[in-house]
Amino acid sequence: MTFIATISWSAEAPVDTPVERSGKAVVSQHFGRAARSYDEHAVLQLAVGRSLVQRLPEALPINHALDLGCATAPFARAQQQALPDVQWQAVDLSSAMLAEAAERGRLDETYQPLCADAENLPLSTSSQGLVFSCFALQWCDPQVVMAEINRVLAPGGRLLLAVPLAGSLAELQSSWQRVNHRPHVNALPSLADWRSAAFQAGFADAQLQQQVMVEYYDSVKAIARRLKATGADHVSGASGLTGKNAWQAMVKEYEARRTQQGLPLTWNVLFLEAEKS
């Protein structure tokens, strides 16, 4: 799941605030609405996930694994092929995403759904041989979620994590900042935040690698459609929808960044691998 930015516009109108609804309920709602369109538009997430699948170990200390924040479980078949004897649980905060995974035929007796919060998993301590997570934990507190992952992993269990970092969507954030100072891009944890969280959780030998990835689009509207279609159309702390004049001014700022390939959208991606001692 991805939950980062909003760039849609309309007349100013009230919206839900964190006081009125819990942040996680809003996350679940936005991802649920994007369940049908997620696979078609989550191009970067799927590319990162395929790279993460290539890093799967050949064997686990115990044959239980989590796809944490699985969305529509697009990697289910590849994960099962890589680890055919493992019992997987597809964990997501959105029941609609899990329903879409089932409709696409990705859930079965060895790949079972579990609607749950990554920061508070209803699983026994030391019950998992692997936690796999792709673009799903950016809405979590790194220290809380890393401690929870460490709790459910068995000794010798592996963590494979990919998550967007601070600095992602820099072009979008900068273009909006030249128009107004309202939040349009969620603040994301940094590499240092994740490194500290891994160490505090007990992953002393965690390997962290940062990779910069750039997508190109024909228009800002295409970027907006892509973000909405993957559930990334809500920002924590935003107090209202963006007016048409502000939208047009932002588009003008963004267009100044156009290259021969199109409008760039940059992602800073963390790949984290660790083993529980």
Protein backbone atom coordinates (compact mmCIF):
# COMPACT_ATOMS: atom_id res chain seq x y z
CA MET A 1 0.00 0.00 0.00
CA THR A 2 1.08 3.54 -0.67
CA PHE A 3 -0.23 6.52 1.27
CA ILE A 4 1.68 9.68 0.50
CA ALA A 5 0.13 12.62 -1.29
CA THR A 6 -2.89 14.43 -2.65
CA ILE A 7 -2.94 16.73 -5.65
CA SER A 8 -6.60 16.79 -6.65
CA TRP A 9 -8.57 20.05 -6.67
CA SER A 10 -12.10 21.37 -6.20
CA ALA A 11 -13.81 24.22 -4.43
CA GLU A 12 -12.78 24.62 -0.82
CA ALA A 13 -14.81 22.23 1.33
CA PRO A 14 -14.50 20.60 4.75
CA VAL A 15 -12.96 17.15 4.97
CA ASP A 16 -12.34 14.66 7.74
CA THR A 17 -9.55 15.65 10.10
CA PRO A 18 -7.42 13.43 12.36
CA VAL A 19 -9.54 14.66 15.29
CA GLU A 20 -12.74 13.40 13.65
CA ARG A 21 -11.38 10.07 12.46
CA SER A 22 -8.41 7.97 13.38
CA GLY A 23 -5.57 8.20 10.90
CA LYS A 24 -5.55 4.46 10.31
CA ALA A 25 -9.26 4.40 9.53
CA VAL A 26 -8.63 7.01 6.83
CA VAL A 27 -5.71 4.98 5.47
CA SER A 28 -7.91 1.90 5.24
CA GLN A 29 -10.73 3.82 3.56
CA HIS A 30 -8.54 5.34 0.87
CA PHE A 31 -6.84 2.06 0.08
CA GLY A 32 -10.16 0.28 0.00
CA ARG A 33 -11.46 2.66 -2.65
CA ALA A 34 -8.37 1.96 -4.76
CA ALA A 35 -8.54 -1.83 -4.55
CA ARG A 36 -9.89 -2.38 -8.08
CA SER A 37 -7.43 0.02 -9.75
CA TYR A 38 -4.33 -0.73 -7.66
CA ASP A 39 -2.64 -3.36 -9.82
CA GLU A 40 -3.02 -1.38 -13.03
CA HIS A 41 -1.43 1.76 -11.64
CA ALA A 42 1.04 0.59 -8.96
CA VAL A 43 3.86 0.33 -11.50
CA LEU A 44 6.71 1.37 -9.23
CA GLN A 45 5.41 -0.59 -6.25
CA LEU A 46 5.20 -3.75 -8.36
CA ALA A 47 8.71 -3.24 -9.75
CA VAL A 48 10.10 -2.79 -6.26
CA GLY A 49 8.19 -5.83 -5.04
CA ARG A 50 9.56 -8.03 -7.80
CA SER A 51 13.05 -6.95 -6.80
CA LEU A 52 12.24 -7.82 -3.19
CA VAL A 53 10.98 -11.26 -4.20
CA GLN A 54 14.39 -11.93 -5.77
CA ARG A 55 15.90 -11.48 -2.30
CA LEU A 56 13.79 -14.18 -0.65
CA PRO A 57 15.89 -16.75 1.26
CA GLU A 58 15.98 -20.37 0.13
CA ALA A 59 14.67 -21.65 3.46
CA LEU A 60 13.13 -20.38 6.71
CA PRO A 61 13.63 -21.46 10.33
CA ILE A 62 9.90 -22.18 10.51
CA ASN A 63 7.51 -22.43 7.56
CA HIS A 64 5.29 -19.45 8.32
CA ALA A 65 5.54 -16.06 6.61
CA LEU A 66 3.75 -12.72 6.39
CA ASP A 67 3.20 -10.48 3.38
CA LEU A 68 2.74 -7.40 5.56
CA GLY A 69 0.64 -4.70 3.90
CA CYS A 70 -0.01 -6.99 0.96
CA ALA A 71 -2.67 -4.86 -0.82
CA THR A 72 -4.07 -7.16 -3.55
CA ALA A 73 -1.30 -9.72 -2.91
CA PRO A 74 0.31 -9.27 -6.36
CA PHE A 75 3.41 -11.23 -5.35
CA ALA A 76 1.57 -14.26 -3.99
CA ARG A 77 2.41 -16.66 -6.81
CA ALA A 78 6.08 -15.65 -6.95
CA GLN A 79 6.38 -15.94 -3.17
CA GLN A 80 4.80 -19.40 -3.20
CA GLN A 81 7.04 -20.54 -6.02
CA ALA A 82 10.13 -19.35 -4.17
CA LEU A 83 9.04 -20.93 -0.87
CA PRO A 84 6.61 -23.74 -1.79
CA ASP A 85 6.44 -25.31 1.68
CA VAL A 86 5.59 -22.11 3.53
CA GLN A 87 2.22 -21.16 4.99
CA TRP A 88 1.66 -17.48 4.12
CA GLN A 89 -0.63 -14.89 5.64
CA ALA A 90 -1.62 -11.91 3.51
CA VAL A 91 -1.90 -9.07 6.03
CA ASP A 92 -3.51 -5.73 5.21
CA LEU A 93 -5.32 -2.96 7.03
CA SER A 94 -7.92 -2.79 4.24
CA SER A 95 -10.49 -5.58 4.01
CA ALA A 96 -11.35 -4.31 0.51
CA MET A 97 -7.79 -4.96 -0.65
CA LEU A 98 -7.96 -8.49 0.73
CA ALA A 99 -11.32 -9.04 -0.95
CA GLU A 100 -9.78 -7.94 -4.25
CA ALA A 101 -6.88 -10.36 -3.69
CA ALA A 102 -9.41 -13.15 -3.22
CA GLU A 103 -11.35 -12.11 -6.34
CA ARG A 104 -8.14 -12.24 -8.36
CA GLY A 105 -7.55 -15.81 -7.18
CA ARG A 106 -4.46 -15.05 -5.13
CA LEU A 107 -5.65 -16.47 -1.81
CA ASP A 108 -5.84 -20.19 -1.05
CA GLU A 109 -5.28 -22.65 1.76
CA THR A 110 -1.56 -21.80 1.91
CA TYR A 111 -2.02 -18.03 1.42
CA GLN A 112 -4.63 -16.86 3.91
CA PRO A 113 -5.92 -13.30 4.48
CA LEU A 114 -5.60 -11.43 7.77
CA CYS A 115 -7.04 -7.94 8.20
CA ALA A 116 -4.83 -6.35 10.83
CA ASP A 117 -2.70 -3.37 11.85
CA ALA A 118 1.02 -3.89 11.22
CA GLU A 119 1.79 -2.15 14.51
CA ASN A 120 -0.40 -4.55 16.51
CA LEU A 121 -0.44 -7.98 14.89
CA PRO A 122 -2.77 -10.63 16.36
CA LEU A 123 -0.02 -13.24 16.12
CA SER A 124 2.01 -15.18 18.63
CA THR A 125 5.54 -14.18 19.55
CA SER A 126 8.25 -15.96 17.50
CA SER A 127 5.60 -17.45 15.20
CA GLN A 128 6.97 -16.35 11.80
CA GLY A 129 9.99 -17.35 9.76
CA LEU A 130 9.75 -14.35 7.42
CA VAL A 131 8.18 -10.90 7.18
CA PHE A 132 7.98 -9.49 3.64
CA SER A 133 6.71 -5.94 3.17
CA CYS A 134 6.66 -3.75 0.05
CA PHE A 135 5.61 -0.08 0.12
CA ALA A 136 3.27 -0.60 3.05
CA LEU A 137 4.81 0.66 6.28
CA GLN A 138 5.40 4.34 5.50
CA TRP A 139 2.31 5.28 7.52
CA CYS A 140 3.70 3.44 10.58
CA ASP A 141 5.95 4.63 13.37
CA PRO A 142 9.24 2.91 12.44
CA GLN A 143 10.14 2.07 16.03
CA VAL A 144 6.72 0.62 16.82
CA VAL A 145 6.40 -1.47 13.67
CA MET A 146 10.00 -2.72 13.76
CA ALA A 147 9.55 -3.82 17.37
CA GLU A 148 6.36 -5.66 16.39
CA ILE A 149 8.08 -7.35 13.46
CA ASN A 150 10.91 -8.45 15.72
CA ARG A 151 8.37 -9.81 18.21
CA VAL A 152 6.59 -12.07 15.73
CA LEU A 153 9.77 -13.32 14.04
CA ALA A 154 11.31 -16.57 15.26
CA PRO A 155 15.05 -16.65 15.96
CA GLY A 156 16.77 -16.81 12.59
CA GLY A 157 13.69 -15.32 10.93
CA ARG A 158 14.18 -12.87 8.08
CA LEU A 159 12.81 -9.41 7.35
CA LEU A 160 12.64 -8.09 3.77
CA LEU A 161 11.32 -4.54 3.65
CA ALA A 162 10.98 -1.88 0.96
CA VAL A 163 9.52 1.50 1.85
CA PRO A 164 9.55 5.06 0.43
CA LEU A 165 11.71 7.52 2.34
CA ALA A 166 11.74 11.21 3.08
CA GLY A 167 12.52 13.11 -0.11
CA SER A 168 10.09 11.07 -2.20
CA LEU A 169 7.80 13.17 -4.44
CA ALA A 170 10.17 16.11 -4.06
CA GLU A 171 8.96 17.69 -7.31
CA LEU A 172 5.36 17.62 -6.14
CA GLN A 173 6.17 18.97 -2.71
CA SER A 174 8.37 21.78 -4.07
CA SER A 175 5.79 22.80 -6.68
CA TRP A 176 3.09 23.07 -4.01
CA GLN A 177 5.35 24.94 -1.61
CA ARG A 178 5.70 27.72 -4.19
CA VAL A 179 1.90 28.08 -4.19
CA ASN A 180 0.91 27.64 -0.54
CA HIS A 181 2.24 26.07 2.64
CA ARG A 182 -0.60 23.68 3.34
CA PRO A 183 0.39 20.00 3.60
CA HIS A 184 0.19 18.23 0.24
CA VAL A 185 2.79 15.50 0.82
CA ASN A 186 2.97 13.43 3.98
CA ALA A 187 6.19 13.57 5.95
CA LEU A 188 7.96 10.24 5.54
CA PRO A 189 10.55 8.68 7.86
CA SER A 190 14.18 8.98 6.78
CA LEU A 191 16.79 6.28 6.29
CA ALA A 192 18.24 7.31 9.67
CA ASP A 193 14.82 6.79 11.28
CA TRP A 194 14.57 3.25 9.92
CA ARG A 195 18.19 2.44 10.83
CA SER A 196 17.62 3.60 14.39
CA ALA A 197 14.34 1.67 14.63
CA ALA A 198 15.98 -1.51 13.33
CA PHE A 199 18.78 -1.23 15.88
CA GLN A 200 16.40 -0.45 18.76
CA ALA A 201 14.22 -3.43 17.81
CA GLY A 202 17.22 -5.78 17.99
CA PHE A 203 18.21 -6.05 14.31
CA ALA A 204 21.84 -5.15 15.00
CA ASP A 205 23.10 -6.41 11.63
CA ALA A 206 20.37 -4.94 9.42
CA GLN A 207 21.48 -4.05 5.90
CA LEU A 208 19.98 -0.83 4.52
CA GLN A 209 20.27 0.32 0.92
CA GLN A 210 18.75 3.50 -0.51
CA GLN A 211 17.83 3.67 -4.20
CA VAL A 212 16.54 6.69 -6.11
CA MET A 213 13.89 5.83 -8.70
CA VAL A 214 12.30 8.29 -11.13
CA GLU A 215 9.01 7.90 -13.01
CA TYR A 216 7.98 10.15 -15.90
CA TYR A 217 4.47 11.30 -16.76
CA ASP A 218 2.83 13.20 -19.60
CA SER A 219 0.97 15.57 -17.30
CA VAL A 220 0.30 16.50 -13.69
CA LYS A 221 -3.22 15.10 -14.14
CA ALA A 222 -1.65 11.75 -15.00
CA ILE A 223 0.31 11.90 -11.75
CA ALA A 224 -2.91 12.74 -9.88
CA ARG A 225 -4.74 9.80 -11.45
CA ARG A 226 -1.91 7.45 -10.58
CA LEU A 227 -1.81 8.54 -6.93
CA LYS A 228 -5.58 8.28 -6.55
CA ALA A 229 -5.70 4.88 -8.25
CA THR A 230 -3.20 3.47 -5.74
CA GLY A 231 -4.93 4.97 -2.69
CA ALA A 232 -2.41 7.77 -2.23
CA ASP A 233 -4.88 10.65 -2.39
CA HIS A 234 -5.07 11.71 1.26
CA VAL A 235 -2.63 13.69 3.39
CA SER A 236 -2.65 13.71 7.17
CA GLY A 237 -3.38 17.16 8.55
CA ALA A 238 -4.87 18.60 5.34
CA SER A 239 -7.72 20.93 6.33
CA GLY A 240 -9.62 21.16 3.04
CA LEU A 241 -9.60 20.49 -0.68
CA THR A 242 -7.43 22.57 -2.98
CA GLY A 243 -8.95 25.40 -5.02
CA LYS A 244 -8.76 25.55 -8.81
CA ASN A 245 -6.49 28.60 -8.90
CA ALA A 246 -3.99 26.99 -6.54
CA TRP A 247 -4.08 23.80 -8.62
CA GLN A 248 -3.37 25.71 -11.83
CA ALA A 249 -0.51 27.60 -10.19
CA MET A 250 1.01 24.34 -8.95
CA VAL A 251 0.73 22.80 -12.42
CA LYS A 252 2.60 25.77 -13.88
CA GLU A 253 5.39 25.30 -11.32
CA TYR A 254 5.57 21.57 -12.01
CA GLU A 255 5.64 22.08 -15.79
CA ALA A 256 8.88 24.05 -15.37
CA ARG A 257 10.48 20.71 -14.43
CA ARG A 258 9.49 18.96 -17.66
CA THR A 259 12.25 17.03 -19.44
CA GLN A 260 12.36 15.24 -22.80
CA GLN A 261 11.09 12.14 -20.99
CA GLY A 262 8.18 13.97 -19.36
CA LEU A 263 7.39 15.25 -15.87
CA PRO A 264 9.62 13.54 -13.28
CA LEU A 265 8.34 12.02 -10.06
CA THR A 266 11.20 10.93 -7.80
CA TRP A 267 11.07 8.23 -5.14
CA ASN A 268 13.71 7.50 -2.51
CA VAL A 269 13.29 3.82 -1.73
CA LEU A 270 14.77 1.93 1.19
CA PHE A 271 15.56 -1.78 0.88
CA LEU A 272 16.11 -3.27 4.33
CA GLU A 273 17.19 -6.84 5.06
CA ALA A 274 17.64 -8.21 8.55
CA GLU A 275 17.72 -11.43 10.53
CA LYS A 276 16.50 -11.91 14.07
CA SER A 277 19.29 -13.24 16.26
